[in-house]
């Protein structure tokens, strides 16, 4: 159970009363755990997956973007929520995304997904479509750069979701001054100070921040 900031009994109750993953998602989660070892912690939680599918269905994006695909759990959840749109995935690992490709095929959503391999700072810089919905779950040191690349391409009213923003709750502990915690704290401060957006941070799993680009962005231009 990937719930770091909630009381564990409450977290279990929430999971028990949320729609559970289907057998294909459970299969993907099991293979990820078996194949990737300690890296399996990078995979989103089951409740996040359900949330991503629901949000995608509500937003009904024409263009969705994911930065950080890993073995494909989050991308599969987003792709399943699409209704005519397309998901563009950006990652650096051929090895891990080869698993994602197999599960996109198994789920019958491969035709909805475009995967681009390479450093996201470069590949996103070359992406020129207006983004309706985005999910960011990549290397944390790159979050500020990815945020700006995504936000500058986000249509007014578009939605960006960012994972791990509570960082096991360490961001709220002033005694924690390790580099990873400081980076995440600085990123959160950057986002809340951005006049282009409206923000809410949710205590889902390790923290999921919802960032909506305001329709009126004249104050930042």
N, C-alpha and C. Protein backbone atom coordinates (compact mmCIF):
# COMPACT_ATOMS: atom_id res chain seq x y z
N UNK A 1 0.85 -1.19 0.00
CA UNK A 1 0.00 0.00 0.00
C UNK A 1 0.89 1.24 0.00
N UNK A 2 0.70 2.08 -1.00
CA UNK A 2 1.55 3.25 -1.18
C UNK A 2 0.83 4.48 -0.61
N UNK A 3 0.82 4.58 0.72
CA UNK A 3 0.18 5.71 1.38
C UNK A 3 1.07 6.14 2.53
N UNK A 4 1.78 7.25 2.36
CA UNK A 4 2.82 7.63 3.29
C UNK A 4 2.40 8.69 4.29
N UNK A 5 1.36 9.45 4.00
CA UNK A 5 1.03 10.59 4.86
C UNK A 5 -0.29 10.42 5.59
N UNK A 6 -1.05 9.39 5.25
CA UNK A 6 -2.31 9.13 5.92
C UNK A 6 -2.13 8.06 7.00
N UNK A 7 -2.99 8.10 8.01
CA UNK A 7 -3.06 6.99 8.94
C UNK A 7 -3.30 5.71 8.14
N UNK A 8 -2.57 4.64 8.45
CA UNK A 8 -2.62 3.44 7.63
C UNK A 8 -4.00 2.78 7.63
N UNK A 9 -4.70 2.84 8.74
CA UNK A 9 -6.05 2.27 8.77
C UNK A 9 -6.99 3.06 7.86
N UNK A 10 -6.85 4.38 7.88
CA UNK A 10 -7.67 5.22 7.00
C UNK A 10 -7.31 4.96 5.55
N UNK A 11 -6.01 4.85 5.26
CA UNK A 11 -5.57 4.58 3.89
C UNK A 11 -6.11 3.25 3.40
N UNK A 12 -6.09 2.23 4.24
CA UNK A 12 -6.64 0.93 3.85
C UNK A 12 -8.13 1.01 3.60
N UNK A 13 -8.84 1.74 4.44
CA UNK A 13 -10.29 1.91 4.26
C UNK A 13 -10.58 2.59 2.92
N UNK A 14 -9.80 3.63 2.59
CA UNK A 14 -9.99 4.34 1.32
C UNK A 14 -9.77 3.39 0.15
N UNK A 15 -8.70 2.61 0.20
CA UNK A 15 -8.42 1.66 -0.89
C UNK A 15 -9.53 0.62 -1.02
N UNK A 16 -10.00 0.14 0.11
CA UNK A 16 -11.05 -0.88 0.09
C UNK A 16 -12.36 -0.36 -0.49
N UNK A 17 -12.55 0.94 -0.43
CA UNK A 17 -13.79 1.54 -0.92
C UNK A 17 -13.58 2.36 -2.20
N UNK A 18 -12.52 2.04 -2.91
CA UNK A 18 -12.26 2.60 -4.23
C UNK A 18 -12.25 1.46 -5.24
N UNK A 19 -12.58 1.76 -6.49
CA UNK A 19 -12.59 0.74 -7.53
C UNK A 19 -11.21 0.11 -7.65
N UNK A 20 -11.19 -1.21 -7.63
CA UNK A 20 -9.93 -1.94 -7.66
C UNK A 20 -9.42 -2.11 -9.10
N UNK A 21 -8.13 -2.30 -9.28
CA UNK A 21 -7.59 -2.53 -10.63
C UNK A 21 -8.09 -3.85 -11.19
N UNK A 22 -8.21 -3.90 -12.51
CA UNK A 22 -8.65 -5.14 -13.14
C UNK A 22 -7.47 -6.11 -13.26
N UNK A 23 -7.70 -7.35 -13.71
CA UNK A 23 -6.62 -8.34 -13.76
C UNK A 23 -5.42 -7.93 -14.60
N UNK A 24 -5.64 -7.17 -15.68
CA UNK A 24 -4.50 -6.76 -16.51
C UNK A 24 -3.59 -5.79 -15.77
N UNK A 25 -4.15 -4.84 -15.06
CA UNK A 25 -3.34 -3.92 -14.27
C UNK A 25 -2.63 -4.66 -13.13
N UNK A 26 -3.30 -5.62 -12.53
CA UNK A 26 -2.66 -6.42 -11.47
C UNK A 26 -1.50 -7.23 -12.04
N UNK A 27 -1.69 -7.75 -13.26
CA UNK A 27 -0.62 -8.49 -13.92
C UNK A 27 0.59 -7.60 -14.19
N UNK A 28 0.32 -6.39 -14.67
CA UNK A 28 1.40 -5.44 -14.94
C UNK A 28 2.13 -5.07 -13.65
N UNK A 29 1.39 -4.83 -12.58
CA UNK A 29 2.00 -4.49 -11.29
C UNK A 29 2.88 -5.63 -10.79
N UNK A 30 2.39 -6.87 -10.95
CA UNK A 30 3.16 -8.03 -10.50
C UNK A 30 4.42 -8.21 -11.33
N UNK A 31 4.33 -8.03 -12.64
CA UNK A 31 5.51 -8.17 -13.48
C UNK A 31 6.52 -7.06 -13.17
N UNK A 32 6.04 -5.86 -12.96
CA UNK A 32 6.94 -4.75 -12.61
C UNK A 32 7.70 -5.06 -11.33
N UNK A 33 7.01 -5.57 -10.32
CA UNK A 33 7.66 -5.91 -9.06
C UNK A 33 8.69 -7.01 -9.25
N UNK A 34 8.38 -7.99 -10.11
CA UNK A 34 9.28 -9.13 -10.32
C UNK A 34 10.50 -8.76 -11.14
N UNK A 35 10.34 -7.86 -12.09
CA UNK A 35 11.39 -7.59 -13.07
C UNK A 35 12.28 -6.41 -12.67
N UNK A 36 11.70 -5.41 -12.04
CA UNK A 36 12.46 -4.17 -11.82
C UNK A 36 13.05 -4.05 -10.42
N UNK A 37 12.73 -4.98 -9.53
CA UNK A 37 13.34 -4.96 -8.20
C UNK A 37 12.99 -3.71 -7.41
N UNK A 38 14.01 -3.08 -6.84
CA UNK A 38 13.80 -1.89 -6.01
C UNK A 38 13.17 -0.75 -6.79
N UNK A 39 13.35 -0.74 -8.11
CA UNK A 39 12.79 0.34 -8.93
C UNK A 39 11.28 0.27 -9.02
N UNK A 40 10.68 -0.84 -8.61
CA UNK A 40 9.23 -1.00 -8.71
C UNK A 40 8.47 0.08 -7.94
N UNK A 41 9.13 0.69 -6.96
CA UNK A 41 8.50 1.77 -6.21
C UNK A 41 8.17 2.98 -7.06
N UNK A 42 8.73 3.05 -8.26
CA UNK A 42 8.43 4.17 -9.14
C UNK A 42 7.03 4.05 -9.76
N UNK A 43 6.45 2.85 -9.71
CA UNK A 43 5.12 2.65 -10.27
C UNK A 43 4.07 3.33 -9.39
N UNK A 44 3.08 3.95 -10.02
CA UNK A 44 2.01 4.59 -9.26
C UNK A 44 1.18 3.53 -8.54
N UNK A 45 0.41 3.96 -7.56
CA UNK A 45 -0.44 3.06 -6.80
C UNK A 45 -1.74 2.78 -7.55
N UNK A 46 -2.44 1.74 -7.11
CA UNK A 46 -3.68 1.35 -7.76
C UNK A 46 -4.73 2.47 -7.69
N UNK A 47 -4.83 3.14 -6.54
CA UNK A 47 -5.83 4.21 -6.44
C UNK A 47 -5.48 5.39 -7.33
N UNK A 48 -4.19 5.65 -7.51
CA UNK A 48 -3.79 6.70 -8.45
C UNK A 48 -4.19 6.32 -9.87
N UNK A 49 -4.05 5.05 -10.21
CA UNK A 49 -4.43 4.60 -11.54
C UNK A 49 -5.90 4.82 -11.81
N UNK A 50 -6.74 4.45 -10.85
CA UNK A 50 -8.18 4.67 -10.99
C UNK A 50 -8.48 6.16 -11.12
N UNK A 51 -7.77 6.96 -10.33
CA UNK A 51 -7.96 8.41 -10.37
C UNK A 51 -7.57 8.97 -11.74
N UNK A 52 -6.44 8.51 -12.29
CA UNK A 52 -6.00 9.00 -13.60
C UNK A 52 -7.02 8.69 -14.69
N UNK A 53 -7.56 7.47 -14.67
CA UNK A 53 -8.56 7.11 -15.67
C UNK A 53 -9.80 7.99 -15.54
N UNK A 54 -10.24 8.20 -14.30
CA UNK A 54 -11.44 9.02 -14.07
C UNK A 54 -11.22 10.46 -14.52
N UNK A 55 -10.08 11.04 -14.15
CA UNK A 55 -9.80 12.42 -14.54
C UNK A 55 -9.70 12.54 -16.06
N UNK A 56 -9.07 11.58 -16.71
CA UNK A 56 -8.96 11.62 -18.17
C UNK A 56 -10.34 11.59 -18.81
N UNK A 57 -11.22 10.76 -18.30
CA UNK A 57 -12.58 10.71 -18.84
C UNK A 57 -13.31 12.02 -18.62
N UNK A 58 -13.07 12.67 -17.49
CA UNK A 58 -13.73 13.94 -17.21
C UNK A 58 -13.20 15.07 -18.09
N UNK A 59 -11.88 15.11 -18.29
CA UNK A 59 -11.27 16.17 -19.09
C UNK A 59 -11.51 15.96 -20.58
N UNK A 60 -11.56 14.68 -21.00
CA UNK A 60 -11.72 14.31 -22.41
C UNK A 60 -10.68 15.03 -23.29
N UNK A 61 -9.40 14.83 -23.01
CA UNK A 61 -8.36 15.56 -23.75
C UNK A 61 -8.21 15.08 -25.20
N UNK A 62 -7.88 16.02 -26.06
CA UNK A 62 -7.48 15.65 -27.41
C UNK A 62 -6.01 15.27 -27.42
N UNK A 63 -5.22 16.02 -26.63
CA UNK A 63 -3.78 15.75 -26.51
C UNK A 63 -3.44 15.58 -25.03
N UNK A 64 -2.98 14.39 -24.67
CA UNK A 64 -2.51 14.11 -23.32
C UNK A 64 -1.02 13.80 -23.39
N UNK A 65 -0.30 14.16 -22.34
CA UNK A 65 1.15 13.95 -22.30
C UNK A 65 1.52 13.32 -20.97
N UNK A 66 2.45 12.36 -21.03
CA UNK A 66 3.01 11.78 -19.82
C UNK A 66 4.53 11.89 -19.89
N UNK A 67 5.14 12.41 -18.84
CA UNK A 67 6.59 12.46 -18.74
C UNK A 67 7.00 11.50 -17.62
N UNK A 68 7.62 10.41 -18.00
CA UNK A 68 8.00 9.36 -17.07
C UNK A 68 7.04 8.19 -17.16
N UNK A 69 7.31 7.25 -18.06
CA UNK A 69 6.37 6.16 -18.35
C UNK A 69 6.69 4.88 -17.58
N UNK A 70 7.97 4.62 -17.34
CA UNK A 70 8.40 3.41 -16.63
C UNK A 70 7.82 2.17 -17.34
N UNK A 71 7.11 1.29 -16.63
CA UNK A 71 6.59 0.08 -17.27
C UNK A 71 5.15 0.23 -17.76
N UNK A 72 4.58 1.41 -17.62
CA UNK A 72 3.34 1.68 -18.33
C UNK A 72 2.04 1.70 -17.55
N UNK A 73 2.10 1.55 -16.22
CA UNK A 73 0.84 1.50 -15.47
C UNK A 73 0.04 2.79 -15.64
N UNK A 74 0.68 3.93 -15.39
CA UNK A 74 -0.04 5.20 -15.49
C UNK A 74 -0.49 5.50 -16.91
N UNK A 75 0.36 5.19 -17.88
CA UNK A 75 -0.01 5.46 -19.27
C UNK A 75 -1.19 4.59 -19.69
N UNK A 76 -1.22 3.35 -19.22
CA UNK A 76 -2.34 2.47 -19.53
C UNK A 76 -3.63 3.03 -18.95
N UNK A 77 -3.56 3.53 -17.73
CA UNK A 77 -4.75 4.11 -17.09
C UNK A 77 -5.23 5.36 -17.83
N UNK A 78 -4.30 6.19 -18.25
CA UNK A 78 -4.68 7.40 -19.01
C UNK A 78 -5.25 7.01 -20.36
N UNK A 79 -4.58 6.11 -21.07
CA UNK A 79 -5.03 5.70 -22.40
C UNK A 79 -6.43 5.11 -22.36
N UNK A 80 -6.73 4.36 -21.32
CA UNK A 80 -8.06 3.78 -21.19
C UNK A 80 -9.13 4.84 -20.99
N UNK A 81 -8.75 5.99 -20.47
CA UNK A 81 -9.72 7.05 -20.25
C UNK A 81 -9.95 7.95 -21.45
N UNK A 82 -9.15 7.78 -22.49
CA UNK A 82 -9.28 8.64 -23.67
C UNK A 82 -10.54 8.31 -24.46
N UNK A 83 -11.12 9.34 -25.05
CA UNK A 83 -12.28 9.15 -25.92
C UNK A 83 -12.02 9.88 -27.24
N UNK A 84 -11.08 9.36 -28.01
CA UNK A 84 -10.75 9.97 -29.29
C UNK A 84 -9.46 10.76 -29.29
N UNK A 85 -8.90 11.02 -28.11
CA UNK A 85 -7.65 11.75 -28.04
C UNK A 85 -6.44 10.83 -28.16
N UNK A 86 -5.26 11.40 -27.95
CA UNK A 86 -4.02 10.65 -28.07
C UNK A 86 -3.11 10.98 -26.89
N UNK A 87 -2.39 9.95 -26.42
CA UNK A 87 -1.43 10.10 -25.34
C UNK A 87 -0.02 10.06 -25.89
N UNK A 88 0.78 11.07 -25.56
CA UNK A 88 2.17 11.15 -25.97
C UNK A 88 3.04 10.90 -24.74
N UNK A 89 3.80 9.80 -24.75
CA UNK A 89 4.64 9.41 -23.61
C UNK A 89 6.10 9.75 -23.89
N UNK A 90 6.77 10.28 -22.88
CA UNK A 90 8.18 10.63 -22.98
C UNK A 90 8.95 9.92 -21.88
N UNK A 91 9.98 9.16 -22.27
CA UNK A 91 10.78 8.41 -21.31
C UNK A 91 12.17 8.21 -21.91
N UNK A 92 13.10 7.72 -21.07
CA UNK A 92 14.47 7.50 -21.55
C UNK A 92 14.82 6.02 -21.65
N UNK A 93 13.97 5.13 -21.12
CA UNK A 93 14.35 3.72 -21.01
C UNK A 93 13.64 2.84 -22.04
N UNK A 94 14.41 2.29 -22.95
CA UNK A 94 13.86 1.30 -23.89
C UNK A 94 13.48 0.03 -23.14
N UNK A 95 14.28 -0.34 -22.14
CA UNK A 95 14.04 -1.58 -21.39
C UNK A 95 12.69 -1.55 -20.67
N UNK A 96 12.45 -0.51 -19.87
CA UNK A 96 11.21 -0.48 -19.10
C UNK A 96 10.01 -0.22 -19.98
N UNK A 97 10.13 0.66 -20.97
CA UNK A 97 8.98 0.96 -21.81
C UNK A 97 8.63 -0.18 -22.76
N UNK A 98 9.54 -1.12 -22.95
CA UNK A 98 9.18 -2.30 -23.75
C UNK A 98 8.09 -3.11 -23.05
N UNK A 99 8.10 -3.10 -21.72
CA UNK A 99 7.02 -3.73 -20.95
C UNK A 99 5.73 -2.95 -21.17
N UNK A 100 5.82 -1.64 -21.12
CA UNK A 100 4.64 -0.80 -21.35
C UNK A 100 4.02 -1.09 -22.70
N UNK A 101 4.84 -1.21 -23.73
CA UNK A 101 4.32 -1.48 -25.08
C UNK A 101 3.51 -2.77 -25.11
N UNK A 102 4.01 -3.80 -24.46
CA UNK A 102 3.30 -5.09 -24.44
C UNK A 102 1.93 -4.95 -23.80
N UNK A 103 1.87 -4.18 -22.71
CA UNK A 103 0.58 -4.04 -22.02
C UNK A 103 -0.36 -3.10 -22.75
N UNK A 104 0.16 -2.12 -23.46
CA UNK A 104 -0.72 -1.32 -24.31
C UNK A 104 -1.37 -2.21 -25.36
N UNK A 105 -0.59 -3.11 -25.92
CA UNK A 105 -1.14 -4.06 -26.90
C UNK A 105 -2.19 -4.96 -26.27
N UNK A 106 -1.88 -5.51 -25.11
CA UNK A 106 -2.81 -6.40 -24.43
C UNK A 106 -4.13 -5.71 -24.11
N UNK A 107 -4.05 -4.44 -23.78
CA UNK A 107 -5.24 -3.68 -23.41
C UNK A 107 -5.99 -3.13 -24.62
N UNK A 108 -5.39 -3.24 -25.80
CA UNK A 108 -6.03 -2.72 -27.00
C UNK A 108 -6.01 -1.21 -27.12
N UNK A 109 -5.00 -0.57 -26.49
CA UNK A 109 -4.93 0.89 -26.54
C UNK A 109 -3.67 1.39 -27.26
N UNK A 110 -2.89 0.48 -27.83
CA UNK A 110 -1.60 0.87 -28.43
C UNK A 110 -1.77 1.94 -29.51
N UNK A 111 -2.88 1.89 -30.23
CA UNK A 111 -3.08 2.87 -31.30
C UNK A 111 -3.35 4.28 -30.76
N UNK A 112 -3.58 4.39 -29.47
CA UNK A 112 -3.82 5.70 -28.86
C UNK A 112 -2.56 6.33 -28.28
N UNK A 113 -1.45 5.60 -28.32
CA UNK A 113 -0.25 6.02 -27.60
C UNK A 113 0.93 6.21 -28.55
N UNK A 114 1.64 7.32 -28.40
CA UNK A 114 2.90 7.56 -29.09
C UNK A 114 4.00 7.66 -28.04
N UNK A 115 5.04 6.85 -28.18
CA UNK A 115 6.15 6.85 -27.24
C UNK A 115 7.37 7.49 -27.90
N UNK A 116 7.97 8.45 -27.21
CA UNK A 116 9.19 9.10 -27.68
C UNK A 116 10.28 8.87 -26.64
N UNK A 117 11.39 8.28 -27.07
CA UNK A 117 12.51 8.00 -26.17
C UNK A 117 13.58 9.07 -26.29
N UNK A 118 14.17 9.42 -25.16
CA UNK A 118 15.23 10.43 -25.14
C UNK A 118 15.03 11.36 -23.95
N UNK A 119 16.01 12.18 -23.63
CA UNK A 119 15.88 13.13 -22.53
C UNK A 119 14.68 14.05 -22.76
N UNK A 120 13.81 14.14 -21.78
CA UNK A 120 12.56 14.88 -21.97
C UNK A 120 12.79 16.38 -22.17
N UNK A 121 13.89 16.90 -21.65
CA UNK A 121 14.16 18.32 -21.90
C UNK A 121 14.29 18.58 -23.39
N UNK A 122 14.84 17.61 -24.12
CA UNK A 122 15.01 17.76 -25.57
C UNK A 122 13.74 17.39 -26.32
N UNK A 123 13.15 16.25 -25.97
CA UNK A 123 12.00 15.77 -26.74
C UNK A 123 10.77 16.63 -26.50
N UNK A 124 10.58 17.12 -25.28
CA UNK A 124 9.46 18.02 -25.03
C UNK A 124 9.66 19.37 -25.71
N UNK A 125 10.89 19.79 -25.82
CA UNK A 125 11.17 21.07 -26.49
C UNK A 125 10.73 21.02 -27.94
N UNK A 126 10.76 19.82 -28.53
CA UNK A 126 10.37 19.66 -29.93
C UNK A 126 8.88 19.39 -30.10
N UNK A 127 8.16 19.24 -29.00
CA UNK A 127 6.72 18.94 -29.06
C UNK A 127 5.96 20.25 -29.19
N UNK A 128 5.11 20.37 -30.20
CA UNK A 128 4.48 21.67 -30.46
C UNK A 128 2.95 21.64 -30.49
N UNK A 129 2.35 20.60 -29.91
CA UNK A 129 0.89 20.55 -29.87
C UNK A 129 0.38 21.13 -28.56
N UNK A 130 -0.77 21.80 -28.58
CA UNK A 130 -1.34 22.32 -27.33
C UNK A 130 -1.82 21.16 -26.46
N UNK A 131 -1.41 21.16 -25.20
CA UNK A 131 -1.69 20.05 -24.30
C UNK A 131 -2.95 20.33 -23.48
N UNK A 132 -3.82 19.33 -23.40
CA UNK A 132 -5.04 19.43 -22.60
C UNK A 132 -4.86 18.82 -21.21
N UNK A 133 -4.08 17.74 -21.13
CA UNK A 133 -3.91 17.00 -19.89
C UNK A 133 -2.49 16.45 -19.84
N UNK A 134 -1.83 16.53 -18.68
CA UNK A 134 -0.47 15.99 -18.56
C UNK A 134 -0.27 15.37 -17.19
N UNK A 135 0.61 14.35 -17.17
CA UNK A 135 0.99 13.69 -15.93
C UNK A 135 2.51 13.65 -15.87
N UNK A 136 3.06 14.16 -14.78
CA UNK A 136 4.51 14.25 -14.60
C UNK A 136 4.94 13.33 -13.46
N UNK A 137 5.78 12.36 -13.78
CA UNK A 137 6.28 11.42 -12.77
C UNK A 137 7.65 10.91 -13.23
N UNK A 138 8.58 11.82 -13.39
CA UNK A 138 9.91 11.49 -13.91
C UNK A 138 10.96 11.82 -12.85
N UNK A 139 12.22 11.97 -13.28
CA UNK A 139 13.28 12.31 -12.33
C UNK A 139 12.97 13.64 -11.65
N UNK A 140 13.05 13.64 -10.33
CA UNK A 140 12.58 14.79 -9.56
C UNK A 140 13.45 16.03 -9.76
N UNK A 141 14.73 15.83 -10.03
CA UNK A 141 15.60 16.98 -10.27
C UNK A 141 15.20 17.74 -11.53
N UNK A 142 14.52 17.06 -12.42
CA UNK A 142 14.09 17.70 -13.66
C UNK A 142 12.71 18.34 -13.59
N UNK A 143 12.03 18.21 -12.45
CA UNK A 143 10.66 18.72 -12.36
C UNK A 143 10.51 20.19 -12.76
N UNK A 144 11.35 21.11 -12.29
CA UNK A 144 11.15 22.51 -12.68
C UNK A 144 11.21 22.73 -14.19
N UNK A 145 12.18 22.07 -14.85
CA UNK A 145 12.30 22.23 -16.30
C UNK A 145 11.11 21.60 -17.02
N UNK A 146 10.70 20.40 -16.59
CA UNK A 146 9.56 19.74 -17.23
C UNK A 146 8.28 20.55 -17.01
N UNK A 147 8.16 21.10 -15.81
CA UNK A 147 6.98 21.92 -15.50
C UNK A 147 6.86 23.09 -16.47
N UNK A 148 7.94 23.78 -16.70
CA UNK A 148 7.89 24.94 -17.59
C UNK A 148 7.62 24.51 -19.04
N UNK A 149 8.25 23.43 -19.47
CA UNK A 149 8.01 22.94 -20.82
C UNK A 149 6.55 22.54 -21.02
N UNK A 150 5.98 21.89 -20.02
CA UNK A 150 4.57 21.48 -20.11
C UNK A 150 3.63 22.68 -20.02
N UNK A 151 3.90 23.55 -19.06
CA UNK A 151 3.00 24.68 -18.85
C UNK A 151 2.99 25.64 -20.04
N UNK A 152 4.13 25.80 -20.68
CA UNK A 152 4.19 26.69 -21.84
C UNK A 152 3.44 26.12 -23.04
N UNK A 153 3.15 24.83 -23.01
CA UNK A 153 2.41 24.18 -24.09
C UNK A 153 0.99 23.83 -23.70
N UNK A 154 0.65 24.08 -22.43
CA UNK A 154 -0.67 23.74 -21.93
C UNK A 154 -1.70 24.77 -22.38
N UNK A 155 -2.83 24.30 -22.88
CA UNK A 155 -3.88 25.25 -23.26
C UNK A 155 -4.49 25.86 -22.00
N UNK A 156 -5.01 27.08 -22.08
CA UNK A 156 -5.73 27.65 -20.94
C UNK A 156 -6.86 26.71 -20.53
N UNK A 157 -6.95 26.43 -19.24
CA UNK A 157 -7.93 25.47 -18.75
C UNK A 157 -7.41 24.06 -18.70
N UNK A 158 -6.19 23.82 -19.21
CA UNK A 158 -5.61 22.49 -19.20
C UNK A 158 -5.16 22.09 -17.80
N UNK A 159 -4.94 20.78 -17.62
CA UNK A 159 -4.64 20.24 -16.30
C UNK A 159 -3.34 19.45 -16.30
N UNK A 160 -2.46 19.77 -15.36
CA UNK A 160 -1.22 19.03 -15.13
C UNK A 160 -1.30 18.37 -13.76
N UNK A 161 -0.98 17.07 -13.71
CA UNK A 161 -0.92 16.33 -12.45
C UNK A 161 0.53 15.93 -12.20
N UNK A 162 1.01 16.18 -10.99
CA UNK A 162 2.41 15.92 -10.65
C UNK A 162 2.47 14.96 -9.46
N UNK A 163 3.25 13.89 -9.60
CA UNK A 163 3.33 12.86 -8.57
C UNK A 163 4.47 13.10 -7.60
N UNK A 164 4.35 12.52 -6.41
CA UNK A 164 5.40 12.49 -5.37
C UNK A 164 5.65 13.84 -4.70
N UNK A 165 4.69 14.73 -4.74
CA UNK A 165 4.95 16.08 -4.24
C UNK A 165 4.92 16.20 -2.72
N UNK A 166 4.49 15.15 -2.01
CA UNK A 166 4.60 15.16 -0.55
C UNK A 166 5.88 14.49 -0.07
N UNK A 167 6.51 13.73 -0.96
CA UNK A 167 7.84 13.16 -0.69
C UNK A 167 7.89 12.48 0.67
N UNK A 168 6.99 11.51 0.85
CA UNK A 168 6.87 10.75 2.10
C UNK A 168 6.55 11.65 3.29
N UNK A 169 6.02 12.83 3.03
CA UNK A 169 5.71 13.79 4.08
C UNK A 169 6.89 14.64 4.51
N UNK A 170 8.07 14.36 3.97
CA UNK A 170 9.28 15.07 4.39
C UNK A 170 9.23 16.55 4.07
N UNK A 171 8.50 16.93 3.01
CA UNK A 171 8.47 18.35 2.63
C UNK A 171 7.90 19.23 3.74
N UNK A 172 7.09 18.64 4.61
CA UNK A 172 6.47 19.42 5.70
C UNK A 172 7.30 19.40 6.98
N UNK A 173 8.43 18.73 6.95
CA UNK A 173 9.29 18.63 8.13
C UNK A 173 10.49 19.55 7.97
N UNK A 174 10.53 20.68 8.68
CA UNK A 174 11.63 21.63 8.51
C UNK A 174 12.99 21.06 8.89
N UNK A 175 12.99 19.96 9.64
CA UNK A 175 14.26 19.35 10.03
C UNK A 175 14.87 18.53 8.90
N UNK A 176 14.08 18.23 7.88
CA UNK A 176 14.60 17.46 6.74
C UNK A 176 15.23 18.43 5.75
N UNK A 177 16.55 18.31 5.57
CA UNK A 177 17.24 19.20 4.64
C UNK A 177 18.12 18.45 3.65
N UNK A 178 17.79 17.15 3.42
CA UNK A 178 18.53 16.39 2.40
C UNK A 178 18.20 16.96 1.03
N UNK A 179 19.09 16.80 0.05
CA UNK A 179 18.91 17.42 -1.27
C UNK A 179 17.59 17.05 -1.95
N UNK A 180 17.17 15.80 -1.87
CA UNK A 180 15.94 15.39 -2.56
C UNK A 180 14.72 16.10 -1.97
N UNK A 181 14.67 16.18 -0.64
CA UNK A 181 13.55 16.87 0.00
C UNK A 181 13.56 18.36 -0.32
N UNK A 182 14.73 18.95 -0.27
CA UNK A 182 14.84 20.38 -0.57
C UNK A 182 14.38 20.66 -2.00
N UNK A 183 14.78 19.80 -2.95
CA UNK A 183 14.38 19.99 -4.35
C UNK A 183 12.86 19.95 -4.49
N UNK A 184 12.24 18.96 -3.84
CA UNK A 184 10.79 18.85 -3.97
C UNK A 184 10.08 20.03 -3.29
N UNK A 185 10.59 20.44 -2.16
CA UNK A 185 10.02 21.60 -1.46
C UNK A 185 10.12 22.85 -2.35
N UNK A 186 11.27 23.03 -2.99
CA UNK A 186 11.46 24.18 -3.88
C UNK A 186 10.53 24.11 -5.08
N UNK A 187 10.32 22.89 -5.59
CA UNK A 187 9.39 22.75 -6.72
C UNK A 187 7.98 23.13 -6.30
N UNK A 188 7.54 22.64 -5.15
CA UNK A 188 6.20 22.97 -4.67
C UNK A 188 6.04 24.48 -4.47
N UNK A 189 7.09 25.13 -3.98
CA UNK A 189 7.05 26.58 -3.80
C UNK A 189 6.98 27.30 -5.14
N UNK A 190 7.69 26.77 -6.12
CA UNK A 190 7.67 27.35 -7.47
C UNK A 190 6.27 27.32 -8.05
N UNK A 191 5.60 26.17 -7.89
CA UNK A 191 4.26 26.01 -8.46
C UNK A 191 3.24 26.93 -7.79
N UNK A 192 3.24 26.97 -6.46
CA UNK A 192 2.23 27.77 -5.77
C UNK A 192 2.44 29.27 -6.01
N UNK A 193 3.65 29.66 -6.39
CA UNK A 193 3.93 31.07 -6.67
C UNK A 193 3.67 31.46 -8.12
N UNK A 194 3.30 30.50 -8.95
CA UNK A 194 3.10 30.76 -10.38
C UNK A 194 1.73 31.40 -10.59
N UNK A 195 1.65 32.64 -11.07
CA UNK A 195 0.36 33.31 -11.25
C UNK A 195 -0.48 32.73 -12.38
N UNK A 196 0.11 31.84 -13.18
CA UNK A 196 -0.63 31.27 -14.30
C UNK A 196 -1.58 30.15 -13.90
N UNK A 197 -1.49 29.67 -12.66
CA UNK A 197 -2.17 28.42 -12.32
C UNK A 197 -2.98 28.50 -11.03
N UNK A 198 -3.91 27.55 -10.91
CA UNK A 198 -4.63 27.27 -9.68
C UNK A 198 -4.23 25.87 -9.24
N UNK A 199 -3.93 25.70 -7.95
CA UNK A 199 -3.27 24.49 -7.47
C UNK A 199 -4.01 23.88 -6.28
N UNK A 200 -4.10 22.55 -6.26
CA UNK A 200 -4.52 21.83 -5.06
C UNK A 200 -3.65 20.58 -4.93
N UNK A 201 -3.13 20.36 -3.73
CA UNK A 201 -2.29 19.19 -3.47
C UNK A 201 -3.14 18.15 -2.73
N UNK A 202 -3.17 16.94 -3.26
CA UNK A 202 -3.99 15.87 -2.70
C UNK A 202 -3.11 14.83 -2.00
N UNK A 203 -3.54 14.31 -0.85
CA UNK A 203 -2.75 13.32 -0.13
C UNK A 203 -2.98 11.90 -0.66
N UNK A 204 -2.94 11.74 -1.96
CA UNK A 204 -3.07 10.43 -2.59
C UNK A 204 -1.67 9.83 -2.72
N UNK A 205 -1.49 8.60 -2.22
CA UNK A 205 -0.19 7.92 -2.29
C UNK A 205 0.90 8.82 -1.71
N UNK A 206 1.85 9.26 -2.54
CA UNK A 206 2.97 10.08 -2.06
C UNK A 206 2.75 11.55 -2.38
N UNK A 207 1.50 11.93 -2.59
CA UNK A 207 1.17 13.31 -2.91
C UNK A 207 0.97 13.50 -4.40
N UNK A 208 -0.19 14.01 -4.79
CA UNK A 208 -0.50 14.27 -6.19
C UNK A 208 -1.01 15.70 -6.29
N UNK A 209 -0.26 16.55 -6.97
CA UNK A 209 -0.65 17.95 -7.12
C UNK A 209 -1.39 18.16 -8.43
N UNK A 210 -2.56 18.78 -8.32
CA UNK A 210 -3.38 19.12 -9.49
C UNK A 210 -3.14 20.59 -9.81
N UNK A 211 -2.74 20.87 -11.04
CA UNK A 211 -2.37 22.22 -11.44
C UNK A 211 -3.16 22.59 -12.69
N UNK A 212 -4.07 23.52 -12.56
CA UNK A 212 -4.90 23.94 -13.70
C UNK A 212 -4.39 25.27 -14.22
N UNK A 213 -4.14 25.34 -15.51
CA UNK A 213 -3.70 26.60 -16.10
C UNK A 213 -4.90 27.52 -16.25
N UNK A 214 -4.80 28.70 -15.69
CA UNK A 214 -5.91 29.64 -15.72
C UNK A 214 -6.22 30.09 -17.14
N UNK A 215 -7.50 30.36 -17.39
CA UNK A 215 -7.87 30.86 -18.71
C UNK A 215 -7.27 32.23 -18.98
N UNK A 216 -7.28 33.09 -17.97
CA UNK A 216 -6.72 34.43 -18.11
C UNK A 216 -5.29 34.41 -17.59
N UNK A 217 -4.33 34.33 -18.51
CA UNK A 217 -2.93 34.31 -18.13
C UNK A 217 -2.22 35.62 -18.47
N UNK A 218 -3.01 36.69 -18.62
CA UNK A 218 -2.43 37.97 -19.02
C UNK A 218 -1.45 38.50 -17.98
N UNK A 219 -1.67 38.12 -16.71
CA UNK A 219 -0.81 38.62 -15.64
C UNK A 219 0.62 38.11 -15.78
N UNK A 220 0.77 36.99 -16.47
CA UNK A 220 2.12 36.42 -16.62
C UNK A 220 2.74 36.73 -17.96
N UNK A 221 2.03 37.47 -18.80
CA UNK A 221 2.57 37.74 -20.14
C UNK A 221 3.17 39.14 -20.21
